[in-house]
Amino acid sequence: MEPYLLGLFVNLARIAYMNNIIRSQYYSLILLIITLSYSSTLQAKKRCKPFLEKLHKVQAQQRNSYSLKRGQSLRVKEDKARDKWWQCEHMSLAKFKAQNGGKNKKSKKEKKKSNSKYASKKVSEKKSQFHVSKSIATFNQGSAIVVKAKYQGDKRLAWSQFYQRPSKCISPKNLSVFAYCNENKLQQQNQFDQQYTK
């Protein structure tokens, strides 16, 4: 019986040893996977840093004062920069390059052609803007702006006593109520004009 027990203990020791080896290999495999995923995340962040910087640069430009046209172009630039950065962060390098392409390197001849086309287009736009601006009448800023009420003096006092504003016209909630209030006021003005002249 003793050799049987000894063999049993040896087999149990081997099983325990194998379990420890498997467990340690399992832990090392998990550690390796975590390390690789973390390093790929770091590489992606490093790869996408220029896109993030471009996004921050556009956002910094938006915080400064600008015209309506400039604001619209900055919004378009921000949207494009955000999309590129987001795609870079959430796609593999191969997918990102396939979708957005690598860096496009143009030859000097192509650059000159595109620059000359751009320059001629810009000149023609300036010419058209110049012709349009000549035909537009400007607002006379030198004269004073006078705002008068419809009625003056005694007639105004009589109008304020005559006019009865409907309760729903105190603060109209929608356009139809506002239109009703406006029509009601015009009707009351017509009645007032007819009665005041008599």
Protein backbone atom coordinates (compact mmCIF):
# COMPACT_ATOMS: atom_id res chain seq x y z
CA MET A 1 0.00 0.00 0.00
CA GLU A 2 2.81 2.40 0.62
CA PRO A 3 4.07 2.43 -3.02
CA TYR A 4 0.51 3.15 -4.13
CA LEU A 5 0.24 6.13 -1.77
CA LEU A 6 3.66 7.33 -2.79
CA GLY A 7 2.65 7.21 -6.48
CA LEU A 8 -0.55 9.08 -5.66
CA PHE A 9 1.38 11.83 -3.86
CA VAL A 10 3.82 12.10 -6.76
CA ASN A 11 0.95 12.42 -9.25
CA LEU A 12 -0.75 15.07 -7.08
CA ALA A 13 2.53 16.99 -6.84
CA ARG A 14 2.93 16.83 -10.63
CA ILE A 15 -0.65 18.09 -11.15
CA ALA A 16 -0.12 20.96 -8.69
CA TYR A 17 3.18 21.82 -10.38
CA MET A 18 1.52 21.78 -13.84
CA ASN A 19 -1.34 23.95 -12.55
CA ASN A 20 1.18 26.47 -11.22
CA ILE A 21 3.01 26.49 -14.56
CA ILE A 22 -0.24 26.91 -16.50
CA ARG A 23 -1.41 29.63 -14.12
CA SER A 24 1.88 31.52 -14.41
CA GLN A 25 1.80 31.19 -18.21
CA TYR A 26 -1.78 32.42 -18.22
CA TYR A 27 -0.85 35.46 -16.12
CA SER A 28 2.17 36.22 -18.26
CA LEU A 29 0.00 35.95 -21.39
CA ILE A 30 -2.53 38.39 -19.93
CA LEU A 31 0.28 40.74 -18.93
CA LEU A 32 1.71 40.55 -22.46
CA ILE A 33 -1.68 41.34 -24.02
CA ILE A 34 -2.20 44.33 -21.72
CA THR A 35 1.30 45.64 -22.46
CA LEU A 36 0.82 45.31 -26.22
CA SER A 37 -2.58 47.00 -26.18
CA TYR A 38 -1.24 49.84 -24.04
CA SER A 39 1.79 50.34 -26.28
CA SER A 40 -0.41 50.38 -29.41
CA THR A 41 -2.58 53.01 -27.72
CA LEU A 42 0.51 55.08 -26.99
CA GLN A 43 1.66 54.71 -30.59
CA ALA A 44 -1.76 55.80 -31.83
CA LYS A 45 -1.69 58.83 -29.56
CA LYS A 46 1.79 59.69 -30.80
CA ARG A 47 0.70 59.18 -34.41
CA CYS A 48 -2.40 61.34 -33.95
CA LYS A 49 -0.76 64.17 -32.01
CA PRO A 50 -0.31 66.41 -35.12
CA PHE A 51 -4.03 66.13 -35.87
CA LEU A 52 -4.90 67.03 -32.29
CA GLU A 53 -2.52 70.02 -32.41
CA LYS A 54 -4.12 71.22 -35.64
CA LEU A 55 -7.55 70.96 -34.01
CA HIS A 56 -6.33 72.99 -31.01
CA LYS A 57 -4.83 75.60 -33.33
CA VAL A 58 -8.13 76.06 -35.20
CA GLN A 59 -10.01 76.28 -31.89
CA ALA A 60 -7.55 78.95 -30.71
CA GLN A 61 -8.26 80.93 -33.88
CA GLN A 62 -11.99 80.65 -33.16
CA ARG A 63 -11.52 82.26 -29.76
CA ASN A 64 -10.24 85.44 -31.47
CA SER A 65 -12.53 87.95 -33.14
CA TYR A 66 -13.41 87.32 -36.79
CA SER A 67 -15.95 88.11 -39.49
CA LEU A 68 -18.94 85.95 -40.39
CA LYS A 69 -17.23 84.51 -43.48
CA ARG A 70 -14.05 83.75 -41.50
CA GLY A 71 -16.14 82.13 -38.74
CA GLN A 72 -17.82 79.84 -41.24
CA SER A 73 -14.50 78.78 -42.75
CA LEU A 74 -13.05 78.19 -39.27
CA ARG A 75 -16.04 76.00 -38.37
CA VAL A 76 -15.48 73.90 -41.51
CA LYS A 77 -11.76 73.62 -40.69
CA GLU A 78 -12.56 72.60 -37.12
CA ASP A 79 -14.99 69.92 -38.27
CA LYS A 80 -12.44 68.47 -40.71
CA ALA A 81 -9.64 68.56 -38.13
CA ARG A 82 -11.85 66.91 -35.48
CA ASP A 83 -12.95 64.18 -37.92
CA LYS A 84 -9.35 63.40 -38.93
CA TRP A 85 -8.18 63.30 -35.33
CA TRP A 86 -11.13 61.09 -34.31
CA GLN A 87 -10.52 58.70 -37.19
CA CYS A 88 -6.83 58.55 -36.38
CA GLU A 89 -7.54 57.75 -32.71
CA HIS A 90 -10.07 55.01 -33.46
CA MET A 91 -8.65 53.32 -36.56
CA SER A 92 -5.63 51.19 -37.16
CA LEU A 93 -2.75 52.79 -39.04
CA ALA A 94 -3.43 50.76 -42.20
CA LYS A 95 -7.15 51.67 -42.26
CA PHE A 96 -6.40 55.33 -41.59
CA LYS A 97 -3.84 55.54 -44.41
CA ALA A 98 -6.19 53.71 -46.77
CA GLN A 99 -9.02 56.11 -46.02
CA ASN A 100 -7.09 59.37 -45.87
CA GLY A 101 -4.10 58.46 -47.99
CA GLY A 102 -0.50 59.05 -47.16
CA LYS A 103 1.14 62.42 -47.47
CA ASN A 104 0.54 63.69 -50.98
CA LYS A 105 3.77 64.90 -52.49
CA LYS A 106 3.25 66.98 -55.60
CA SER A 107 5.92 67.69 -58.09
CA LYS A 108 7.11 71.27 -58.52
CA LYS A 109 5.29 71.59 -61.84
CA GLU A 110 1.98 70.51 -60.28
CA LYS A 111 2.46 72.98 -57.42
CA LYS A 112 3.13 75.83 -59.84
CA LYS A 113 0.07 74.95 -61.90
CA SER A 114 -2.22 74.80 -58.87
CA ASN A 115 -0.75 78.02 -57.45
CA SER A 116 -1.21 79.87 -60.74
CA LYS A 117 -4.81 78.62 -61.03
CA TYR A 118 -5.47 79.74 -57.45
CA ALA A 119 -3.90 83.14 -58.07
CA SER A 120 -5.90 83.78 -61.26
CA LYS A 121 -9.09 82.67 -59.51
CA LYS A 122 -8.37 85.01 -56.59
CA VAL A 123 -7.77 87.96 -58.94
CA SER A 124 -11.03 87.31 -60.80
CA GLU A 125 -12.90 87.10 -57.46
CA LYS A 126 -11.43 90.43 -56.37
CA LYS A 127 -12.47 92.04 -59.66
CA SER A 128 -16.03 90.77 -59.31
CA GLN A 129 -16.18 91.97 -55.70
CA PHE A 130 -14.93 95.39 -56.78
CA HIS A 131 -17.66 95.75 -59.41
CA VAL A 132 -20.36 94.62 -56.99
CA SER A 133 -19.27 97.02 -54.27
CA LYS A 134 -19.58 100.00 -56.67
CA SER A 135 -23.25 99.26 -57.35
CA ILE A 136 -24.26 98.90 -53.67
CA ALA A 137 -25.62 102.07 -52.06
CA THR A 138 -24.12 102.79 -48.67
CA PHE A 139 -26.05 103.88 -45.60
CA ASN A 140 -25.78 107.59 -44.87
CA GLN A 141 -24.22 107.66 -41.44
CA GLY A 142 -23.91 111.41 -41.20
CA SER A 143 -27.61 112.19 -40.78
CA ALA A 144 -29.60 111.60 -37.62
CA ILE A 145 -32.19 108.84 -37.43
CA VAL A 146 -35.56 110.08 -36.20
CA VAL A 147 -38.19 107.68 -34.87
CA LYS A 148 -41.65 109.18 -34.46
CA ALA A 149 -44.84 107.76 -33.02
CA LYS A 150 -47.90 107.66 -35.28
CA TYR A 151 -49.69 110.32 -33.22
CA GLN A 152 -48.29 113.43 -31.51
CA GLY A 153 -49.53 115.75 -28.75
CA ASP A 154 -53.25 115.76 -27.91
CA LYS A 155 -54.01 113.17 -30.59
CA ARG A 156 -51.51 110.80 -28.95
CA LEU A 157 -53.19 111.25 -25.57
CA ALA A 158 -56.59 110.59 -27.13
CA TRP A 159 -55.20 107.46 -28.87
CA SER A 160 -53.82 106.05 -25.62
CA GLN A 161 -57.26 106.48 -24.03
CA PHE A 162 -59.06 104.97 -27.05
CA TYR A 163 -56.85 101.92 -27.70
CA GLN A 164 -57.95 98.78 -25.88
CA ARG A 165 -55.31 96.04 -26.13
CA PRO A 166 -56.75 92.50 -26.01
CA SER A 167 -55.45 90.43 -23.09
CA LYS A 168 -53.83 87.84 -25.35
CA CYS A 169 -51.85 90.65 -27.05
CA ILE A 170 -49.95 91.58 -23.89
CA SER A 171 -47.36 88.89 -24.65
CA PRO A 172 -48.20 86.97 -27.85
CA LYS A 173 -47.07 83.34 -27.73
CA ASN A 174 -46.98 82.58 -31.45
CA LEU A 175 -47.02 84.23 -34.85
CA SER A 176 -50.75 83.87 -35.48
CA VAL A 177 -51.55 85.67 -32.21
CA PHE A 178 -49.02 88.38 -33.08
CA ALA A 179 -50.65 88.82 -36.51
CA TYR A 180 -54.09 89.05 -34.87
CA CYS A 181 -52.81 91.72 -32.47
CA ASN A 182 -51.30 93.73 -35.29
CA GLU A 183 -54.52 93.58 -37.35
CA ASN A 184 -56.59 94.51 -34.29
CA LYS A 185 -54.41 97.56 -33.66
CA LEU A 186 -54.72 98.66 -37.30
CA GLN A 187 -58.52 98.32 -37.15
CA GLN A 188 -58.65 100.36 -33.95
CA GLN A 189 -56.40 103.01 -35.55
CA ASN A 190 -58.77 103.29 -38.52
CA GLN A 191 -61.74 103.66 -36.17
CA PHE A 192 -59.83 106.23 -34.11
CA ASP A 193 -58.86 108.25 -37.20
CA GLN A 194 -62.49 108.33 -38.38
CA GLN A 195 -63.79 109.40 -34.96
CA TYR A 196 -61.04 111.93 -34.17
CA THR A 197 -61.51 113.92 -37.37
CA LYS A 198 -65.28 114.29 -36.75
